[in-house]
Amino acid sequence: MSQKGNYPSAELICIGVKELGDERQAFFLRWLESHIEVEELKVDGQVQESVNTWLSSLSPREAIAEHSLIMAEIEWCASIALHTLRRIASAERLDNWRSRDE
């Protein structure tokens, strides 16, 4: 496990998240929560702290790869048509609802 440090990439990720519109930001945060396995993220500093802590647990090579992946996801959320994003979010909510019944 790596020693905890401050990762500039965590700050860049947080900046990217803040630039997303509200609906896109909410969608991305749900994805990020699942990806880094945290309960709930809020934009007010918690994203940067959580991502920084998570990146600290990775090797340098893994941290670089994850930074690239997360930035690509932010770009995807920013560029995808909003109606498509809503359809994906709706399908995910339905899947989550169904899995609770099983």
N, C-alpha and C. Protein backbone atom coordinates (compact mmCIF):
# COMPACT_ATOMS: atom_id res chain seq x y z
N MET A 1 0.84 -1.17 0.00
CA MET A 1 0.00 0.00 0.00
C MET A 1 0.88 1.24 0.00
N SER A 2 0.53 2.23 -0.76
CA SER A 2 1.30 3.46 -0.86
C SER A 2 1.07 4.35 0.34
N GLN A 3 2.05 5.20 0.59
CA GLN A 3 1.90 6.20 1.64
C GLN A 3 0.93 7.27 1.17
N LYS A 4 0.07 7.72 2.08
CA LYS A 4 -0.93 8.72 1.68
C LYS A 4 -0.26 10.05 1.39
N GLY A 5 -0.58 10.60 0.22
CA GLY A 5 -0.08 11.89 -0.19
C GLY A 5 -1.19 12.69 -0.83
N ASN A 6 -0.89 13.89 -1.21
CA ASN A 6 -1.87 14.70 -1.93
C ASN A 6 -1.62 14.54 -3.41
N TYR A 7 -2.60 14.05 -4.10
CA TYR A 7 -2.48 13.81 -5.53
C TYR A 7 -3.08 14.97 -6.30
N PRO A 8 -2.27 15.64 -7.13
CA PRO A 8 -2.82 16.71 -7.97
C PRO A 8 -3.94 16.19 -8.86
N SER A 9 -3.87 14.92 -9.24
CA SER A 9 -4.92 14.37 -10.10
C SER A 9 -6.27 14.34 -9.39
N ALA A 10 -6.27 14.18 -8.06
CA ALA A 10 -7.53 14.22 -7.31
C ALA A 10 -8.15 15.60 -7.43
N GLU A 11 -7.32 16.63 -7.40
CA GLU A 11 -7.82 18.00 -7.55
C GLU A 11 -8.37 18.21 -8.97
N LEU A 12 -7.65 17.70 -9.98
CA LEU A 12 -8.12 17.83 -11.36
C LEU A 12 -9.45 17.11 -11.57
N ILE A 13 -9.58 15.95 -10.97
CA ILE A 13 -10.83 15.20 -11.07
C ILE A 13 -11.96 16.01 -10.44
N CYS A 14 -11.71 16.59 -9.29
CA CYS A 14 -12.73 17.39 -8.60
C CYS A 14 -13.13 18.60 -9.44
N ILE A 15 -12.17 19.24 -10.07
CA ILE A 15 -12.46 20.38 -10.94
C ILE A 15 -13.34 19.93 -12.11
N GLY A 16 -13.00 18.78 -12.71
CA GLY A 16 -13.80 18.25 -13.81
C GLY A 16 -15.23 17.95 -13.39
N VAL A 17 -15.39 17.39 -12.20
CA VAL A 17 -16.73 17.08 -11.69
C VAL A 17 -17.54 18.36 -11.50
N LYS A 18 -16.91 19.37 -10.94
CA LYS A 18 -17.61 20.64 -10.69
C LYS A 18 -18.05 21.33 -11.98
N GLU A 19 -17.37 21.05 -13.08
CA GLU A 19 -17.72 21.66 -14.36
C GLU A 19 -18.92 20.99 -15.03
N LEU A 20 -19.30 19.81 -14.56
CA LEU A 20 -20.47 19.13 -15.12
C LEU A 20 -21.74 19.81 -14.63
N GLY A 21 -22.78 19.78 -15.44
CA GLY A 21 -24.08 20.27 -15.00
C GLY A 21 -24.62 19.38 -13.90
N ASP A 22 -25.63 19.83 -13.20
CA ASP A 22 -26.16 19.11 -12.03
C ASP A 22 -26.54 17.66 -12.33
N GLU A 23 -27.29 17.44 -13.38
CA GLU A 23 -27.74 16.09 -13.70
C GLU A 23 -26.56 15.19 -14.10
N ARG A 24 -25.66 15.72 -14.89
CA ARG A 24 -24.49 14.97 -15.32
C ARG A 24 -23.58 14.68 -14.12
N GLN A 25 -23.46 15.66 -13.24
CA GLN A 25 -22.64 15.51 -12.05
C GLN A 25 -23.19 14.40 -11.15
N ALA A 26 -24.50 14.39 -10.95
CA ALA A 26 -25.12 13.35 -10.12
C ALA A 26 -24.89 11.97 -10.72
N PHE A 27 -25.03 11.84 -12.04
CA PHE A 27 -24.80 10.57 -12.71
C PHE A 27 -23.35 10.13 -12.52
N PHE A 28 -22.41 11.05 -12.76
CA PHE A 28 -21.00 10.72 -12.62
C PHE A 28 -20.66 10.32 -11.19
N LEU A 29 -21.18 11.06 -10.21
CA LEU A 29 -20.87 10.74 -8.81
C LEU A 29 -21.37 9.36 -8.43
N ARG A 30 -22.54 8.93 -8.96
CA ARG A 30 -23.01 7.56 -8.68
C ARG A 30 -22.03 6.54 -9.27
N TRP A 31 -21.53 6.82 -10.48
CA TRP A 31 -20.55 5.92 -11.09
C TRP A 31 -19.27 5.89 -10.25
N LEU A 32 -18.80 7.06 -9.84
CA LEU A 32 -17.56 7.14 -9.07
C LEU A 32 -17.70 6.44 -7.73
N GLU A 33 -18.84 6.59 -7.07
CA GLU A 33 -19.08 5.90 -5.80
C GLU A 33 -18.93 4.39 -5.98
N SER A 34 -19.51 3.88 -7.04
CA SER A 34 -19.42 2.45 -7.33
C SER A 34 -17.98 2.06 -7.67
N HIS A 35 -17.32 2.88 -8.45
CA HIS A 35 -15.97 2.56 -8.92
C HIS A 35 -14.95 2.53 -7.78
N ILE A 36 -15.03 3.51 -6.88
CA ILE A 36 -14.03 3.54 -5.79
C ILE A 36 -14.59 2.96 -4.49
N GLU A 37 -15.82 2.44 -4.58
CA GLU A 37 -16.46 1.74 -3.47
C GLU A 37 -16.60 2.59 -2.21
N VAL A 38 -17.29 3.72 -2.37
CA VAL A 38 -17.66 4.55 -1.22
C VAL A 38 -19.18 4.69 -1.21
N GLU A 39 -19.73 5.00 -0.04
CA GLU A 39 -21.18 5.07 0.11
C GLU A 39 -21.82 6.22 -0.65
N GLU A 40 -21.41 7.45 -0.34
CA GLU A 40 -22.04 8.61 -0.98
C GLU A 40 -21.03 9.74 -1.05
N LEU A 41 -20.95 10.36 -2.22
CA LEU A 41 -20.04 11.49 -2.43
C LEU A 41 -20.83 12.77 -2.63
N LYS A 42 -20.30 13.83 -2.08
CA LYS A 42 -20.84 15.16 -2.34
C LYS A 42 -19.69 15.99 -2.89
N VAL A 43 -20.00 16.95 -3.72
CA VAL A 43 -18.97 17.71 -4.43
C VAL A 43 -18.15 18.60 -3.50
N ASP A 44 -18.68 19.00 -2.39
CA ASP A 44 -18.04 19.98 -1.51
C ASP A 44 -16.78 19.46 -0.80
N GLY A 45 -15.76 19.10 -1.54
CA GLY A 45 -14.50 18.68 -0.95
C GLY A 45 -14.40 17.19 -0.69
N GLN A 46 -15.52 16.53 -0.54
CA GLN A 46 -15.51 15.11 -0.24
C GLN A 46 -15.01 14.30 -1.43
N VAL A 47 -15.28 14.74 -2.62
CA VAL A 47 -14.82 14.03 -3.81
C VAL A 47 -13.30 14.01 -3.82
N GLN A 48 -12.69 15.18 -3.66
CA GLN A 48 -11.24 15.26 -3.70
C GLN A 48 -10.61 14.43 -2.59
N GLU A 49 -11.14 14.52 -1.39
CA GLU A 49 -10.60 13.76 -0.26
C GLU A 49 -10.74 12.26 -0.49
N SER A 50 -11.91 11.82 -0.95
CA SER A 50 -12.14 10.39 -1.18
C SER A 50 -11.26 9.86 -2.31
N VAL A 51 -11.17 10.61 -3.41
CA VAL A 51 -10.34 10.18 -4.53
C VAL A 51 -8.87 10.17 -4.11
N ASN A 52 -8.45 11.17 -3.36
CA ASN A 52 -7.07 11.22 -2.90
C ASN A 52 -6.74 10.01 -2.02
N THR A 53 -7.62 9.70 -1.10
CA THR A 53 -7.42 8.54 -0.22
C THR A 53 -7.35 7.26 -1.04
N TRP A 54 -8.26 7.13 -2.00
CA TRP A 54 -8.29 5.93 -2.83
C TRP A 54 -7.04 5.82 -3.70
N LEU A 55 -6.63 6.93 -4.34
CA LEU A 55 -5.42 6.90 -5.17
C LEU A 55 -4.20 6.54 -4.33
N SER A 56 -4.19 6.98 -3.08
CA SER A 56 -3.07 6.68 -2.18
C SER A 56 -2.92 5.18 -1.92
N SER A 57 -4.01 4.46 -2.06
CA SER A 57 -3.97 3.02 -1.80
C SER A 57 -3.47 2.22 -3.01
N LEU A 58 -3.26 2.90 -4.13
CA LEU A 58 -2.84 2.23 -5.37
C LEU A 58 -1.36 2.42 -5.62
N SER A 59 -0.82 1.57 -6.46
CA SER A 59 0.56 1.76 -6.90
C SER A 59 0.59 2.99 -7.82
N PRO A 60 1.76 3.60 -8.02
CA PRO A 60 1.82 4.75 -8.93
C PRO A 60 1.28 4.43 -10.33
N ARG A 61 1.60 3.28 -10.85
CA ARG A 61 1.11 2.89 -12.18
C ARG A 61 -0.41 2.78 -12.19
N GLU A 62 -0.97 2.15 -11.16
CA GLU A 62 -2.43 2.02 -11.07
C GLU A 62 -3.09 3.39 -10.91
N ALA A 63 -2.48 4.26 -10.11
CA ALA A 63 -3.05 5.60 -9.89
C ALA A 63 -3.10 6.39 -11.20
N ILE A 64 -2.07 6.28 -12.01
CA ILE A 64 -2.04 6.98 -13.30
C ILE A 64 -3.14 6.43 -14.22
N ALA A 65 -3.26 5.11 -14.26
CA ALA A 65 -4.29 4.49 -15.10
C ALA A 65 -5.70 4.88 -14.63
N GLU A 66 -5.92 4.88 -13.34
CA GLU A 66 -7.23 5.25 -12.80
C GLU A 66 -7.55 6.71 -13.06
N HIS A 67 -6.55 7.57 -12.93
CA HIS A 67 -6.76 8.99 -13.23
C HIS A 67 -7.23 9.15 -14.67
N SER A 68 -6.56 8.46 -15.58
CA SER A 68 -6.93 8.54 -17.00
C SER A 68 -8.35 8.04 -17.23
N LEU A 69 -8.70 6.94 -16.59
CA LEU A 69 -10.05 6.38 -16.72
C LEU A 69 -11.10 7.36 -16.20
N ILE A 70 -10.87 7.92 -15.02
CA ILE A 70 -11.85 8.82 -14.41
C ILE A 70 -12.01 10.09 -15.24
N MET A 71 -10.91 10.63 -15.74
CA MET A 71 -11.00 11.83 -16.58
C MET A 71 -11.76 11.52 -17.88
N ALA A 72 -11.56 10.31 -18.42
CA ALA A 72 -12.30 9.91 -19.63
C ALA A 72 -13.79 9.79 -19.32
N GLU A 73 -14.14 9.28 -18.15
CA GLU A 73 -15.55 9.18 -17.75
C GLU A 73 -16.18 10.56 -17.59
N ILE A 74 -15.42 11.50 -17.04
CA ILE A 74 -15.92 12.88 -16.91
C ILE A 74 -16.20 13.45 -18.30
N GLU A 75 -15.26 13.26 -19.21
CA GLU A 75 -15.44 13.73 -20.59
C GLU A 75 -16.67 13.09 -21.23
N TRP A 76 -16.83 11.80 -21.01
CA TRP A 76 -17.98 11.09 -21.56
C TRP A 76 -19.28 11.66 -21.01
N CYS A 77 -19.34 11.87 -19.69
CA CYS A 77 -20.54 12.44 -19.07
C CYS A 77 -20.83 13.84 -19.60
N ALA A 78 -19.79 14.59 -19.89
CA ALA A 78 -19.96 15.96 -20.39
C ALA A 78 -20.45 15.97 -21.83
N SER A 79 -20.10 14.96 -22.60
CA SER A 79 -20.38 15.00 -24.04
C SER A 79 -21.58 14.18 -24.49
N ILE A 80 -22.00 13.22 -23.72
CA ILE A 80 -23.12 12.36 -24.14
C ILE A 80 -24.42 13.17 -24.11
N ALA A 81 -25.30 12.85 -25.01
CA ALA A 81 -26.61 13.52 -25.05
C ALA A 81 -27.34 13.29 -23.73
N LEU A 82 -27.95 14.33 -23.22
CA LEU A 82 -28.61 14.25 -21.92
C LEU A 82 -29.73 13.21 -21.91
N HIS A 83 -30.47 13.08 -23.00
CA HIS A 83 -31.55 12.07 -23.03
C HIS A 83 -30.97 10.66 -22.95
N THR A 84 -29.80 10.44 -23.51
CA THR A 84 -29.14 9.13 -23.42
C THR A 84 -28.69 8.87 -22.00
N LEU A 85 -28.12 9.87 -21.37
CA LEU A 85 -27.69 9.75 -19.98
C LEU A 85 -28.87 9.42 -19.07
N ARG A 86 -29.99 10.08 -19.31
CA ARG A 86 -31.20 9.81 -18.51
C ARG A 86 -31.69 8.39 -18.72
N ARG A 87 -31.61 7.91 -19.95
CA ARG A 87 -32.06 6.54 -20.23
C ARG A 87 -31.16 5.53 -19.51
N ILE A 88 -29.86 5.77 -19.51
CA ILE A 88 -28.93 4.88 -18.81
C ILE A 88 -29.20 4.91 -17.31
N ALA A 89 -29.37 6.10 -16.76
CA ALA A 89 -29.64 6.24 -15.33
C ALA A 89 -30.94 5.55 -14.95
N SER A 90 -31.95 5.67 -15.78
CA SER A 90 -33.24 5.04 -15.53
C SER A 90 -33.11 3.52 -15.53
N ALA A 91 -32.37 2.99 -16.48
CA ALA A 91 -32.16 1.53 -16.55
C ALA A 91 -31.38 1.04 -15.34
N GLU A 92 -30.39 1.81 -14.88
CA GLU A 92 -29.62 1.41 -13.70
C GLU A 92 -30.49 1.42 -12.45
N ARG A 93 -31.36 2.41 -12.32
CA ARG A 93 -32.26 2.45 -11.16
C ARG A 93 -33.18 1.24 -11.17
N LEU A 94 -33.67 0.86 -12.34
CA LEU A 94 -34.54 -0.31 -12.46
C LEU A 94 -33.78 -1.57 -12.08
N ASP A 95 -32.54 -1.71 -12.54
CA ASP A 95 -31.73 -2.88 -12.18
C ASP A 95 -31.49 -2.94 -10.68
N ASN A 96 -31.20 -1.80 -10.06
CA ASN A 96 -30.99 -1.76 -8.61
C ASN A 96 -32.27 -2.14 -7.86
N TRP A 97 -33.39 -1.66 -8.34
CA TRP A 97 -34.68 -1.96 -7.72
C TRP A 97 -34.96 -3.46 -7.81
N ARG A 98 -34.70 -4.05 -8.98
CA ARG A 98 -34.93 -5.48 -9.17
C ARG A 98 -34.02 -6.31 -8.28
N SER A 99 -32.76 -5.91 -8.13
CA SER A 99 -31.82 -6.70 -7.33
C SER A 99 -32.20 -6.70 -5.86
N ARG A 100 -32.89 -5.67 -5.38
CA ARG A 100 -33.33 -5.64 -3.98
C ARG A 100 -34.45 -6.63 -3.74
N ASP A 101 -35.21 -6.96 -4.77
CA ASP A 101 -36.32 -7.90 -4.63
C ASP A 101 -35.86 -9.35 -4.65
N GLU A 102 -34.64 -9.59 -5.08
CA GLU A 102 -34.16 -10.98 -5.21
C GLU A 102 -33.65 -11.52 -3.90
